[in-house]
Every structure is written in C-alpha cells, then in structure tokens.
C-alpha cells in the first residue's frame, strides 16, 4: 500500500474525534454546524444533505427521505460557473 493510500478505517473519524467535533459544533448553533451534526447523527452524506428539500422530511413519522444527491462539476474554463446536478437516490432514515 502506498503511503498516501488509507484504509476504510483510517478514513473514518474515531468515536473520540466524533465526540470532540460534536461538542465544538454545539457551541455555535448555525446552519453549517447543524449540517455537520446531521451528517454525524444520521450518516447522511454531504451531497445528500445539500439536495434535501422540506418535503423530504416526514415530521409525523420522524423520517428523512433521501431521494437525490447534489453533485457539482467544475470546468477548466473560468468564465463558466460550477454546475449543479442531481442524481436519483432512494433511502429512508429515522431522525
């Protein structure tokens, strides 16, 4: 294995790291920190979180319906903006 390659276990936060991060984000409740909290607590990916819509939340049943993933494409041409696209994805998470 090359020095720059990491195993799956090395790519994940340890439980201690997770706790430290959550304590830090709890100190400043803003939208970014809420997103970090939601990712840790539900396992939702950043692209899935970015693509969520209000209708994806079922407050009565306490579920998130993950239906799409937001992706961004960058081009070499600096005159064009980054483009968003959505990929269909289907998951149901308890919240």
C-alpha atoms as a PDB file:
ATOM      1  CA  UNK A   1       0.000   0.000   0.000  1.00  0.00           C
ATOM      2  CA  UNK A   2       1.318   3.449  -0.920  1.00  0.00           C
ATOM      3  CA  UNK A   3       1.904   5.890   1.907  1.00  0.00           C
ATOM      4  CA  UNK A   4      -0.863   8.214   0.629  1.00  0.00           C
ATOM      5  CA  UNK A   5      -3.466   5.428   0.465  1.00  0.00           C
ATOM      6  CA  UNK A   6      -5.663   4.989   3.519  1.00  0.00           C
ATOM      7  CA  UNK A   7      -7.772   2.051   4.614  1.00  0.00           C
ATOM      8  CA  UNK A   8     -11.507   2.499   5.227  1.00  0.00           C
ATOM      9  CA  UNK A   9     -10.882   2.587   8.974  1.00  0.00           C
ATOM     10  CA  UNK A  10      -8.381   5.421   8.536  1.00  0.00           C
ATOM     11  CA  UNK A  11     -10.891   7.478   6.529  1.00  0.00           C
ATOM     12  CA  UNK A  12     -13.462   7.453   9.348  1.00  0.00           C
ATOM     13  CA  UNK A  13     -13.466   9.559  12.492  1.00  0.00           C
ATOM     14  CA  UNK A  14     -12.877   7.689  15.725  1.00  0.00           C
ATOM     15  CA  UNK A  15     -15.615   7.877  18.342  1.00  0.00           C
ATOM     16  CA  UNK A  16     -13.443  10.260  20.379  1.00  0.00           C
ATOM     17  CA  UNK A  17     -12.954  12.534  17.356  1.00  0.00           C
ATOM     18  CA  UNK A  18     -16.698  12.461  16.648  1.00  0.00           C
ATOM     19  CA  UNK A  19     -17.495  13.475  20.230  1.00  0.00           C
ATOM     20  CA  UNK A  20     -14.950  16.325  20.139  1.00  0.00           C
ATOM     21  CA  UNK A  21     -16.321  17.634  16.840  1.00  0.00           C
ATOM     22  CA  UNK A  22     -19.933  17.479  18.049  1.00  0.00           C
ATOM     23  CA  UNK A  23     -19.015  19.335  21.259  1.00  0.00           C
ATOM     24  CA  UNK A  24     -17.380  22.066  19.169  1.00  0.00           C
ATOM     25  CA  UNK A  25     -20.313  22.471  16.777  1.00  0.00           C
ATOM     26  CA  UNK A  26     -22.798  22.524  19.677  1.00  0.00           C
ATOM     27  CA  UNK A  27     -21.089  25.681  20.975  1.00  0.00           C
ATOM     28  CA  UNK A  28     -22.103  27.671  17.887  1.00  0.00           C
ATOM     29  CA  UNK A  29     -25.528  26.694  16.534  1.00  0.00           C
ATOM     30  CA  UNK A  30     -25.587  27.828  12.912  1.00  0.00           C
ATOM     31  CA  UNK A  31     -26.648  26.172   9.659  1.00  0.00           C
ATOM     32  CA  UNK A  32     -23.179  24.779   8.898  1.00  0.00           C
ATOM     33  CA  UNK A  33     -22.854  23.210  12.330  1.00  0.00           C
ATOM     34  CA  UNK A  34     -26.391  21.827  12.120  1.00  0.00           C
ATOM     35  CA  UNK A  35     -25.379  20.158   8.853  1.00  0.00           C
ATOM     36  CA  UNK A  36     -22.287  18.634  10.496  1.00  0.00           C
ATOM     37  CA  UNK A  37     -24.429  17.366  13.368  1.00  0.00           C
ATOM     38  CA  UNK A  38     -26.991  15.868  10.986  1.00  0.00           C
ATOM     39  CA  UNK A  39     -24.283  14.093   8.985  1.00  0.00           C
ATOM     40  CA  UNK A  40     -22.794  12.537  12.126  1.00  0.00           C
ATOM     41  CA  UNK A  41     -26.124  11.570  13.696  1.00  0.00           C
ATOM     42  CA  UNK A  42     -27.792  10.082  10.612  1.00  0.00           C
ATOM     43  CA  UNK A  43     -24.925   9.026   8.360  1.00  0.00           C
ATOM     44  CA  UNK A  44     -26.313  11.156   5.542  1.00  0.00           C
ATOM     45  CA  UNK A  45     -23.651  12.213   3.045  1.00  0.00           C
ATOM     46  CA  UNK A  46     -22.881  15.861   2.282  1.00  0.00           C
ATOM     47  CA  UNK A  47     -24.287  15.620  -1.263  1.00  0.00           C
ATOM     48  CA  UNK A  48     -27.478  14.025   0.069  1.00  0.00           C
ATOM     49  CA  UNK A  49     -27.816  16.726   2.708  1.00  0.00           C
ATOM     50  CA  UNK A  50     -27.308  19.503   0.146  1.00  0.00           C
ATOM     51  CA  UNK A  51     -30.067  18.042  -2.048  1.00  0.00           C
ATOM     52  CA  UNK A  52     -32.674  17.759   0.738  1.00  0.00           C
ATOM     53  CA  UNK A  53     -35.968  19.589   0.322  1.00  0.00           C
ATOM     54  CA  UNK A  54     -38.531  20.354   3.021  1.00  0.00           C
ATOM     55  CA  UNK A  55     -40.908  17.776   1.558  1.00  0.00           C
ATOM     56  CA  UNK A  56     -38.255  15.085   2.183  1.00  0.00           C
ATOM     57  CA  UNK A  57     -38.826  15.443   5.938  1.00  0.00           C
ATOM     58  CA  UNK A  58     -41.718  13.490   7.469  1.00  0.00           C
ATOM     59  CA  UNK A  59     -42.135  15.150  10.872  1.00  0.00           C
ATOM     60  CA  UNK A  60     -45.003  12.862  11.938  1.00  0.00           C
ATOM     61  CA  UNK A  61     -43.063   9.639  11.369  1.00  0.00           C
ATOM     62  CA  UNK A  62     -39.638  11.111  12.181  1.00  0.00           C
ATOM     63  CA  UNK A  63     -38.011  10.153   8.884  1.00  0.00           C
ATOM     64  CA  UNK A  64     -35.835  11.718   6.186  1.00  0.00           C
ATOM     65  CA  UNK A  65     -36.474  10.513   2.653  1.00  0.00           C
ATOM     66  CA  UNK A  66     -33.143  10.719   0.816  1.00  0.00           C
ATOM     67  CA  UNK A  67     -34.106  10.901  -2.851  1.00  0.00           C
ATOM     68  CA  UNK A  68     -31.247  12.686  -4.596  1.00  0.00           C
ATOM     69  CA  UNK A  69     -27.571  13.586  -4.344  1.00  0.00           C
ATOM     70  CA  UNK A  70     -26.243  17.002  -5.336  1.00  0.00           C
ATOM     71  CA  UNK A  71     -23.047  16.941  -7.340  1.00  0.00           C
ATOM     72  CA  UNK A  72     -21.006  19.833  -8.653  1.00  0.00           C
ATOM     73  CA  UNK A  73     -18.928  19.854 -11.797  1.00  0.00           C
ATOM     74  CA  UNK A  74     -16.091  22.274 -12.352  1.00  0.00           C
ATOM     75  CA  UNK A  75     -14.757  23.183 -15.759  1.00  0.00           C
ATOM     76  CA  UNK A  76     -11.333  24.392 -16.820  1.00  0.00           C
ATOM     77  CA  UNK A  77     -12.932  27.465 -18.379  1.00  0.00           C
ATOM     78  CA  UNK A  78     -13.101  30.074 -15.610  1.00  0.00           C
ATOM     79  CA  UNK A  79     -15.823  32.029 -17.428  1.00  0.00           C
ATOM     80  CA  UNK A  80     -18.363  29.258 -16.730  1.00  0.00           C
ATOM     81  CA  UNK A  81     -19.773  28.743 -13.272  1.00  0.00           C
ATOM     82  CA  UNK A  82     -19.826  25.434 -11.491  1.00  0.00           C
ATOM     83  CA  UNK A  83     -22.866  23.397 -12.434  1.00  0.00           C
ATOM     84  CA  UNK A  84     -25.144  21.551 -10.037  1.00  0.00           C
ATOM     85  CA  UNK A  85     -26.722  18.279 -10.985  1.00  0.00           C
ATOM     86  CA  UNK A  86     -28.835  15.804  -9.098  1.00  0.00           C
ATOM     87  CA  UNK A  87     -28.573  12.040  -9.125  1.00  0.00           C
ATOM     88  CA  UNK A  88     -31.546   9.941  -8.076  1.00  0.00           C
ATOM     89  CA  UNK A  89     -31.012   8.078  -4.831  1.00  0.00           C
ATOM     90  CA  UNK A  90     -33.522   6.352  -2.567  1.00  0.00           C
ATOM     91  CA  UNK A  91     -33.017   5.910   1.202  1.00  0.00           C
ATOM     92  CA  UNK A  92     -35.258   6.352   4.229  1.00  0.00           C
ATOM     93  CA  UNK A  93     -33.625   7.395   7.508  1.00  0.00           C
ATOM     94  CA  UNK A  94     -35.055   7.737  11.002  1.00  0.00           C
ATOM     95  CA  UNK A  95     -34.440  11.121  12.600  1.00  0.00           C
END
